[in-house]
Amino acid sequence: MLNALIPMIEKHVAMPVRLTREPGGAEISEKIRSLILDPQNTAMDARTEALLYAASRRQHLVEVIDPALAAGDLVICDRFVDSSVAYQGGGRQIGEAAVLAMNQFATDGQAPELTLYLDIESAAGLARIQAHRQSRQYDRLDRESLAFHQRVRAAYLRLAQAEPTRIKTVDASQPIEAVVARCAAILAEHLGATWQ
């Protein structure tokens, strides 16, 4: 979906746009990503998982995000701290505040100006994952139970309710075109741009 937004953004902002992702985005971070998401790593402890995400994020921040921001780029990152708070804090039930504190240390308190949270009922999201199993990576988190994904969604919704100015919720149960259009409208408003 981000790939559909990037051309719109690039056409209407007077700065380079850097698209990146987490976990990953930098060489060391991508190696950590492989370790975290490998379906074979079923024995991984929940706190180990959370620490690895924070470590990947730190490397990504210092190697990719901070230099891009210093150069005046607009950075769009697929996931950041909120994802760890939701997945490890909520989904793994190790504590949202503890995971947030760990990531505050990893990021030195940096946070995005704007977060788009694409919300969908957990069962529907899992059905989409199953439907696209052959065309996308099917990772360790995708294999988790419905209850796990419901806890993740509940954590995201709590985050969005706590920070409505930063976190904008988009109904992701709509057709992809409608989701992209809504995301584009939110980005345009945030960036002070207009586009179709």
Protein backbone atom coordinates (compact mmCIF):
# COMPACT_ATOMS: atom_id res chain seq x y z
CA MET A 1 0.00 0.00 0.00
CA LEU A 2 2.86 2.38 0.78
CA ASN A 3 4.14 1.91 -2.75
CA ALA A 4 0.89 3.40 -4.04
CA LEU A 5 1.27 6.47 -1.80
CA ILE A 6 4.91 7.31 -2.51
CA PRO A 7 4.43 8.68 -6.08
CA MET A 8 1.60 10.93 -4.83
CA ILE A 9 3.75 12.24 -2.02
CA GLU A 10 6.85 12.78 -4.16
CA LYS A 11 4.83 14.77 -6.68
CA HIS A 12 3.58 17.23 -4.06
CA VAL A 13 6.36 17.77 -1.52
CA ALA A 14 9.54 19.72 -2.07
CA MET A 15 11.84 17.18 -0.44
CA PRO A 16 13.16 13.68 -1.12
CA VAL A 17 10.99 10.88 0.28
CA ARG A 18 12.68 7.96 2.04
CA LEU A 19 10.59 4.79 2.43
CA THR A 20 11.85 2.27 4.95
CA ARG A 21 10.55 -0.52 7.19
CA GLU A 22 10.84 -2.18 10.54
CA PRO A 23 12.10 -4.52 11.59
CA GLY A 24 14.84 -3.99 9.05
CA GLY A 25 15.69 -1.03 6.89
CA ALA A 26 19.46 -1.33 7.45
CA GLU A 27 21.83 -4.26 6.91
CA ILE A 28 22.22 -5.23 10.57
CA SER A 29 18.53 -4.59 11.21
CA GLU A 30 17.56 -6.86 8.31
CA LYS A 31 19.65 -9.66 9.84
CA ILE A 32 17.82 -9.18 13.14
CA ARG A 33 14.52 -9.20 11.19
CA SER A 34 15.36 -12.61 9.74
CA LEU A 35 16.03 -13.96 13.20
CA ILE A 36 12.87 -12.50 14.76
CA LEU A 37 10.43 -13.54 12.04
CA ASP A 38 11.87 -16.98 11.23
CA PRO A 39 9.04 -19.49 11.81
CA GLN A 40 11.63 -22.00 13.05
CA ASN A 41 12.38 -19.85 16.12
CA THR A 42 9.40 -21.07 18.13
CA ALA A 43 11.40 -21.17 21.38
CA MET A 44 12.12 -17.43 21.31
CA ASP A 45 11.27 -15.85 24.66
CA ALA A 46 8.87 -12.87 24.53
CA ARG A 47 11.36 -10.52 26.19
CA THR A 48 14.13 -11.68 23.86
CA GLU A 49 11.83 -10.87 20.95
CA ALA A 50 11.08 -7.39 22.35
CA LEU A 51 14.78 -6.68 22.93
CA LEU A 52 15.64 -7.79 19.39
CA TYR A 53 13.00 -5.46 17.94
CA ALA A 54 14.41 -2.58 20.01
CA ALA A 55 17.97 -3.42 18.89
CA SER A 56 16.91 -3.56 15.25
CA ARG A 57 15.11 -0.24 15.66
CA ARG A 58 18.14 1.43 17.22
CA GLN A 59 20.43 0.38 14.37
CA HIS A 60 17.85 1.43 11.79
CA LEU A 61 17.47 4.81 13.47
CA VAL A 62 21.17 5.66 13.60
CA GLU A 63 22.02 4.21 10.21
CA VAL A 64 19.01 5.23 8.10
CA ILE A 65 16.37 7.45 9.73
CA ASP A 66 18.54 10.03 11.50
CA PRO A 67 20.81 10.63 8.46
CA ALA A 68 17.78 10.96 6.18
CA LEU A 69 16.12 13.47 8.51
CA ALA A 70 19.40 15.40 8.84
CA ALA A 71 19.53 15.61 5.04
CA GLY A 72 16.01 17.11 4.98
CA ASP A 73 14.23 14.00 3.68
CA LEU A 74 10.65 13.05 4.50
CA VAL A 75 10.91 9.61 6.12
CA ILE A 76 8.02 7.17 5.85
CA CYS A 77 8.55 4.07 7.93
CA ASP A 78 6.41 0.94 7.82
CA ARG A 79 6.09 0.39 11.61
CA PHE A 80 7.93 1.91 14.55
CA VAL A 81 7.66 1.87 18.37
CA ASP A 82 3.86 1.57 18.45
CA SER A 83 4.17 -1.83 16.78
CA SER A 84 6.41 -3.15 19.55
CA VAL A 85 4.10 -1.77 22.21
CA ALA A 86 1.14 -3.49 20.53
CA TYR A 87 2.75 -6.80 19.54
CA GLN A 88 5.13 -7.47 22.39
CA GLY A 89 3.52 -5.37 25.12
CA GLY A 90 -0.09 -6.27 24.28
CA GLY A 91 0.08 -9.43 22.19
CA ARG A 92 2.83 -11.13 24.18
CA GLN A 93 1.47 -9.62 27.41
CA ILE A 94 4.86 -8.50 28.74
CA GLY A 95 3.58 -5.01 29.51
CA GLU A 96 2.97 -2.07 27.21
CA ALA A 97 4.69 0.39 29.57
CA ALA A 98 7.78 -1.83 29.85
CA VAL A 99 8.07 -2.20 26.08
CA LEU A 100 7.56 1.53 25.60
CA ALA A 101 10.32 2.29 28.15
CA MET A 102 12.70 -0.12 26.41
CA ASN A 103 12.03 1.57 23.08
CA GLN A 104 12.32 5.06 24.53
CA PHE A 105 15.87 4.05 25.47
CA ALA A 106 16.50 2.55 22.00
CA THR A 107 15.21 5.61 20.14
CA ASP A 108 16.44 8.23 22.60
CA GLY A 109 12.83 9.34 22.86
CA GLN A 110 12.30 10.00 19.13
CA ALA A 111 8.77 9.58 17.82
CA PRO A 112 7.08 10.10 14.46
CA GLU A 113 5.11 13.29 13.81
CA LEU A 114 2.28 11.25 12.32
CA THR A 115 1.27 7.60 12.49
CA LEU A 116 -1.32 5.95 10.27
CA TYR A 117 -2.87 2.97 12.00
CA LEU A 118 -4.69 0.70 9.54
CA ASP A 119 -7.37 -0.98 11.63
CA ILE A 120 -9.21 -4.18 10.80
CA GLU A 121 -10.98 -6.79 12.92
CA SER A 122 -8.43 -9.44 13.89
CA ALA A 123 -10.26 -12.37 12.28
CA ALA A 124 -10.57 -10.47 8.99
CA GLY A 125 -6.89 -9.53 9.10
CA LEU A 126 -5.88 -13.15 9.66
CA ALA A 127 -8.14 -14.22 6.79
CA ARG A 128 -6.32 -11.77 4.50
CA ILE A 129 -2.97 -13.14 5.63
CA GLN A 130 -4.13 -16.69 4.85
CA ALA A 131 -5.50 -15.63 1.46
CA HIS A 132 -2.14 -14.12 0.48
CA ARG A 133 0.14 -16.77 2.01
CA GLN A 134 1.64 -17.73 -1.32
CA SER A 135 2.50 -14.17 -2.38
CA ARG A 136 4.00 -12.82 0.86
CA GLN A 137 6.27 -13.87 3.68
CA TYR A 138 4.32 -15.94 6.21
CA ASP A 139 6.23 -15.25 9.40
CA ARG A 140 6.26 -16.32 13.04
CA LEU A 141 3.81 -13.60 14.12
CA ASP A 142 1.35 -14.45 11.33
CA ARG A 143 1.06 -17.93 12.85
CA GLU A 144 -0.10 -16.65 16.23
CA SER A 145 -3.61 -17.30 17.54
CA LEU A 146 -6.65 -15.13 17.02
CA ALA A 147 -6.51 -14.21 20.73
CA PHE A 148 -2.95 -12.92 20.27
CA HIS A 149 -4.01 -10.74 17.33
CA GLN A 150 -7.02 -9.48 19.25
CA ARG A 151 -4.71 -8.36 22.08
CA VAL A 152 -2.46 -6.63 19.52
CA ARG A 153 -5.43 -4.78 18.01
CA ALA A 154 -6.70 -3.77 21.44
CA ALA A 155 -3.27 -2.33 22.27
CA TYR A 156 -3.18 -0.37 19.00
CA LEU A 157 -6.64 1.02 19.70
CA ARG A 158 -5.53 2.10 23.19
CA LEU A 159 -2.50 3.85 21.67
CA ALA A 160 -4.69 5.61 19.09
CA GLN A 161 -7.13 6.73 21.77
CA ALA A 162 -4.29 8.02 23.96
CA GLU A 163 -2.63 9.99 21.13
CA PRO A 164 -5.34 11.04 18.64
CA THR A 165 -3.33 13.99 17.35
CA ARG A 166 -0.42 11.78 16.23
CA ILE A 167 -2.14 8.47 15.50
CA LYS A 168 -4.82 8.56 12.81
CA THR A 169 -6.94 5.44 12.49
CA VAL A 170 -7.92 4.29 9.00
CA ASP A 171 -10.60 1.65 8.40
CA ALA A 172 -8.61 -1.04 6.59
CA SER A 173 -11.65 -3.26 6.00
CA GLN A 174 -12.46 -1.09 2.97
CA PRO A 175 -11.20 -1.86 -0.55
CA ILE A 176 -7.51 -0.99 -0.99
CA GLU A 177 -8.33 2.03 -3.19
CA ALA A 178 -10.40 3.58 -0.41
CA VAL A 179 -7.70 2.88 2.18
CA VAL A 180 -5.04 4.49 -0.04
CA ALA A 181 -7.28 7.51 -0.69
CA ARG A 182 -7.93 8.01 3.04
CA CYS A 183 -4.22 7.71 3.87
CA ALA A 184 -3.39 10.17 1.09
CA ALA A 185 -5.92 12.67 2.45
CA ILE A 186 -4.48 12.43 5.98
CA LEU A 187 -0.92 12.84 4.67
CA ALA A 188 -1.92 15.77 2.49
CA GLU A 189 -3.50 17.53 5.44
CA HIS A 190 -0.47 16.86 7.62
CA LEU A 191 2.00 18.03 4.97
CA GLY A 192 -0.10 21.01 3.92
CA ALA A 193 -0.34 19.65 0.37
CA THR A 194 -3.23 18.93 -1.96
CA TRP A 195 -3.31 16.08 -4.44
CA GLN A 196 -5.62 13.64 -6.10
